[in-house]
Structures are given as C-alpha cells and as structure tokens.
Amino acid sequence: MSEFGSFHLAANPTMYEPVRPSNYRFIAKFDTVQLLKVGENAADRNSYIRDGQEIIDFSVTHFDVPHFTQNPIEVWRGNSRVLYAGKPSWNQGQLIINDLVGADGKSVLLAWQALSYNVIDDTISNASKYKINATVMEYTADNKLVRYWDLIGCWVAGLSEDAWDSDGDGKKRVTATIAYDRAIPHLPDELVYR
C-alpha cells in the first residue's frame, strides 16, 4: 500500500530535505585580471583591488541559477511537423550585492565592467582583458555541497543600482548583469579545490 500526503516525506528526511535558496556562493576568479578602481591612477599600486573575490563572495545577495534554452528547429512533412533541438543560449545572471561602505563591492563591479569598455577613450577591450571564470556553489542548510556550476567567460554586461531616496530606510544594492559563454554543472563528488 502506498503512502499518501506527507507521510512518505516525513519517513525519509534525508531524501526529501528541501534545498534552500539562501545557501550558495558566487566565486569570481579575478586572478587573470587586474581590477583598477575607476578614476584611480594605474601607476599607483594602491589603486588596484586585491581582494575582489572575497568582497563579492560576502556581499552577494542574489544570483540567477544558470540555465540555457534551445529554440526548436521545425521540419514539416505533409501536415505534420517534427521538432529538433536548436542552438543553446545561456541566460544572463543577475548578480545583486549589498553596497557595503568598507568592503566596497560597487568598486569591484565598476572596475570589472571598466575592463570591457573604456569610457575615456571610447574603446572596447579584447575578451582576454575582461572575461573571467566563476563558480556558483549550492549548499544545504548545514553547509554540505549539493551541486556547483563552472561559469566560463563571465563579464559585466550592465550595472544598475538602487536610486538615492531621502525618504528611504533600507540598504542600497548594486545589480550586475553577468553574461557568460556556458555553465558546466557538477555534482559534489566532482569538486576540486576552489
């Protein structure tokens, strides 16, 4: 006799523990680029951000789960059609961070975005100058890895932030649209040191 309702869920707690949306990390691998604070002197060593990965990791409040879509290719024969898988297109992720004064994640995102486009001389850099890899890790509530994705070729396609509001009483957040070439999913047993 099969069980109905929640009895089966309650009888198998290790099988049906919900994954919570608040247990994740976004690790931006800035080791291949130099993040120069916007408006700073490139000749001054102190003008570069050295801990950008850590700042983003602890400031992030939201990131869209990586997925792709495929447009169907239609082949008609008579009055019927058959659908085949078309080219994949990866979604862009919305990376939202808290704008924290001391950590200054906003400067990290502005510096990353500035690698792709120079507003002073109106030039776009080669991809090797602004694309990085990142890893998104999903955890259980007790910090056990559920799965992770390697994001290949990430860059900041756009930035926006909460407006100033003299009547506001909340925290200010910055949103970066992260474009990437592909996301490779992994299970925890495939994890290598990150």
Protein backbone atom coordinates (compact mmCIF):
# COMPACT_ATOMS: atom_id res chain seq x y z
CA MET A 1 0.00 0.00 0.00
CA SER A 2 1.43 3.39 -0.95
CA GLU A 3 1.54 6.27 1.48
CA PHE A 4 -0.39 9.48 0.86
CA GLY A 5 0.21 13.08 1.84
CA SER A 6 3.38 13.99 3.68
CA PHE A 7 3.90 10.63 5.41
CA HIS A 8 6.41 9.43 2.81
CA LEU A 9 8.32 12.72 3.06
CA ALA A 10 8.44 12.58 6.86
CA ALA A 11 9.55 8.94 6.82
CA ASN A 12 12.50 9.75 4.50
CA PRO A 13 14.05 13.00 5.82
CA THR A 14 17.45 12.51 4.18
CA MET A 15 15.80 12.02 0.80
CA TYR A 16 13.38 14.96 0.93
CA GLU A 17 15.26 17.76 2.70
CA PRO A 18 14.46 20.98 0.80
CA VAL A 19 17.26 22.94 -0.80
CA ARG A 20 17.06 26.49 0.49
CA PRO A 21 17.69 29.40 -1.86
CA SER A 22 19.85 31.28 0.66
CA ASN A 23 22.70 28.76 0.85
CA TYR A 24 25.05 29.46 -2.05
CA ARG A 25 28.27 31.21 -3.01
CA PHE A 26 29.37 33.11 -6.12
CA ILE A 27 33.14 32.88 -6.51
CA ALA A 28 34.50 35.32 -9.13
CA LYS A 29 38.01 34.29 -10.21
CA PHE A 30 39.76 37.61 -10.68
CA ASP A 31 43.24 36.02 -10.73
CA THR A 32 43.59 36.57 -14.51
CA VAL A 33 42.71 40.31 -14.47
CA GLN A 34 43.75 43.44 -12.60
CA LEU A 35 40.91 45.44 -11.08
CA LEU A 36 41.80 49.13 -11.18
CA LYS A 37 39.44 51.33 -9.17
CA VAL A 38 37.52 53.60 -11.53
CA GLY A 39 39.09 57.08 -11.66
CA GLU A 40 42.33 55.98 -9.98
CA ASN A 41 45.94 56.17 -11.19
CA ALA A 42 47.08 52.97 -12.95
CA ALA A 43 50.71 53.68 -11.94
CA ASP A 44 49.81 53.58 -8.22
CA ARG A 45 49.81 50.05 -6.74
CA ASN A 46 47.26 51.11 -4.12
CA SER A 47 44.74 51.90 -6.87
CA TYR A 48 44.14 48.20 -7.54
CA ILE A 49 41.62 45.97 -5.77
CA ARG A 50 43.35 42.89 -4.38
CA ASP A 51 40.52 41.08 -2.59
CA GLY A 52 37.71 41.40 -5.15
CA GLN A 53 36.76 37.71 -4.98
CA GLU A 54 36.28 37.83 -1.20
CA ILE A 55 34.38 41.12 -1.33
CA ILE A 56 31.89 39.83 -3.90
CA ASP A 57 31.57 36.45 -2.12
CA PHE A 58 30.48 38.11 1.13
CA SER A 59 28.42 40.94 -0.41
CA VAL A 60 26.27 38.94 -2.84
CA THR A 61 22.57 38.62 -2.00
CA HIS A 62 21.22 37.13 -5.25
CA PHE A 63 22.36 35.27 -8.36
CA ASP A 64 20.23 33.61 -11.01
CA VAL A 65 20.67 29.85 -11.34
CA PRO A 66 22.42 29.02 -14.65
CA HIS A 67 20.17 27.58 -17.36
CA PHE A 68 20.03 27.50 -21.13
CA THR A 69 17.25 27.45 -23.69
CA GLN A 70 17.12 25.97 -27.18
CA ASN A 71 14.88 27.16 -29.97
CA PRO A 72 13.19 24.29 -31.78
CA ILE A 73 14.06 23.60 -35.41
CA GLU A 74 10.86 22.72 -37.29
CA VAL A 75 10.80 20.18 -40.10
CA TRP A 76 7.42 19.88 -41.84
CA ARG A 77 6.32 16.83 -43.79
CA GLY A 78 2.81 16.87 -45.14
CA ASN A 79 0.54 18.26 -42.43
CA SER A 80 2.80 17.35 -39.51
CA ARG A 81 5.95 18.69 -38.02
CA VAL A 82 8.86 17.26 -36.11
CA LEU A 83 10.89 19.39 -33.69
CA TYR A 84 14.65 19.13 -33.26
CA ALA A 85 16.92 20.84 -30.77
CA GLY A 86 18.43 24.12 -31.95
CA LYS A 87 21.46 26.01 -30.69
CA PRO A 88 21.70 26.58 -26.93
CA SER A 89 21.55 30.09 -25.49
CA TRP A 90 22.66 30.65 -21.88
CA ASN A 91 20.74 33.05 -19.68
CA GLN A 92 22.48 36.08 -18.25
CA GLY A 93 22.63 36.07 -14.45
CA GLN A 94 21.60 38.97 -12.25
CA LEU A 95 24.27 39.29 -9.56
CA ILE A 96 22.98 41.54 -6.77
CA ILE A 97 25.24 42.71 -3.95
CA ASN A 98 24.77 44.82 -0.85
CA ASP A 99 26.56 48.15 -1.27
CA LEU A 100 28.74 47.98 1.85
CA VAL A 101 30.87 51.05 2.55
CA GLY A 102 34.00 49.33 3.90
CA ALA A 103 34.05 46.36 1.54
CA ASP A 104 33.02 48.49 -1.46
CA GLY A 105 31.70 45.77 -3.75
CA LYS A 106 30.40 48.51 -6.02
CA SER A 107 34.01 49.48 -6.83
CA VAL A 108 34.80 45.83 -7.61
CA LEU A 109 31.92 45.63 -10.09
CA LEU A 110 32.74 49.03 -11.62
CA ALA A 111 36.40 48.00 -12.05
CA TRP A 112 35.36 44.69 -13.64
CA GLN A 113 32.99 46.46 -16.03
CA ALA A 114 35.68 49.02 -16.91
CA LEU A 115 37.87 46.18 -18.22
CA SER A 116 35.49 45.70 -21.17
CA TYR A 117 34.84 49.35 -22.09
CA ASN A 118 36.93 52.45 -21.51
CA VAL A 119 34.63 55.46 -21.19
CA ILE A 120 37.54 57.92 -21.55
CA ASP A 121 38.82 56.82 -24.96
CA ASP A 122 35.62 55.03 -26.11
CA THR A 123 37.29 51.67 -26.79
CA ILE A 124 36.23 48.07 -26.18
CA SER A 125 38.94 45.71 -24.93
CA ASN A 126 39.80 42.25 -26.22
CA ALA A 127 37.90 39.49 -24.41
CA SER A 128 41.09 38.27 -22.71
CA LYS A 129 41.15 41.55 -20.76
CA TYR A 130 37.65 41.33 -19.22
CA LYS A 131 36.36 37.74 -19.31
CA ILE A 132 36.93 35.63 -16.21
CA ASN A 133 35.61 32.32 -14.93
CA ALA A 134 33.42 31.96 -11.86
CA THR A 135 31.91 29.18 -9.79
CA VAL A 136 28.46 29.10 -8.23
CA MET A 137 28.04 26.61 -5.37
CA GLU A 138 24.74 25.46 -3.90
CA TYR A 139 24.70 24.15 -0.29
CA THR A 140 22.34 22.55 2.18
CA ALA A 141 21.44 24.48 5.33
CA ASP A 142 24.28 22.68 7.18
CA ASN A 143 26.84 23.67 4.51
CA LYS A 144 27.09 20.42 2.56
CA LEU A 145 27.64 20.97 -1.15
CA VAL A 146 24.64 19.96 -3.29
CA ARG A 147 25.97 20.94 -6.74
CA TYR A 148 28.04 23.60 -8.43
CA TRP A 149 28.46 25.24 -11.83
CA ASP A 150 31.61 26.46 -13.54
CA LEU A 151 30.70 29.64 -15.41
CA ILE A 152 33.00 30.13 -18.39
CA GLY A 153 33.74 33.54 -19.91
CA CYS A 154 31.94 35.83 -17.43
CA TRP A 155 31.84 39.60 -17.83
CA VAL A 156 29.72 42.52 -16.67
CA ALA A 157 27.23 43.31 -19.45
CA GLY A 158 25.49 46.00 -17.40
CA LEU A 159 25.30 47.67 -13.99
CA SER A 160 22.44 49.32 -12.15
CA GLU A 161 21.82 50.28 -8.55
CA ASP A 162 19.11 51.43 -6.22
CA ALA A 163 18.34 55.12 -6.57
CA TRP A 164 19.07 57.62 -3.82
CA ASP A 165 15.91 58.30 -1.84
CA SER A 166 15.74 60.82 1.00
CA ASP A 167 12.63 59.05 2.35
CA GLY A 168 14.17 55.57 2.09
CA ASP A 169 15.11 53.43 5.07
CA GLY A 170 16.78 50.32 3.72
CA LYS A 171 20.03 49.06 2.29
CA LYS A 172 21.39 50.06 -1.09
CA ARG A 173 22.09 47.31 -3.59
CA VAL A 174 24.00 47.09 -6.87
CA THR A 175 22.95 44.76 -9.70
CA ALA A 176 25.39 43.44 -12.29
CA THR A 177 24.15 41.60 -15.37
CA ILE A 178 26.66 38.79 -15.78
CA ALA A 179 26.96 37.40 -19.30
CA TYR A 180 28.76 34.09 -19.72
CA ASP A 181 29.51 31.67 -22.55
CA ARG A 182 28.42 28.49 -20.82
CA ALA A 183 27.76 26.93 -17.41
CA ILE A 184 29.03 23.43 -16.68
CA PRO A 185 27.10 21.68 -13.88
CA HIS A 186 28.84 19.34 -11.44
CA LEU A 187 27.87 17.15 -8.51
CA PRO A 188 29.74 17.39 -5.18
CA ASP A 189 31.90 14.29 -5.76
CA GLU A 190 33.48 16.07 -8.73
CA LEU A 191 34.63 19.03 -6.62
CA VAL A 192 38.26 20.00 -6.80
CA TYR A 193 39.76 22.67 -4.58
CA ARG A 194 38.31 26.09 -5.48
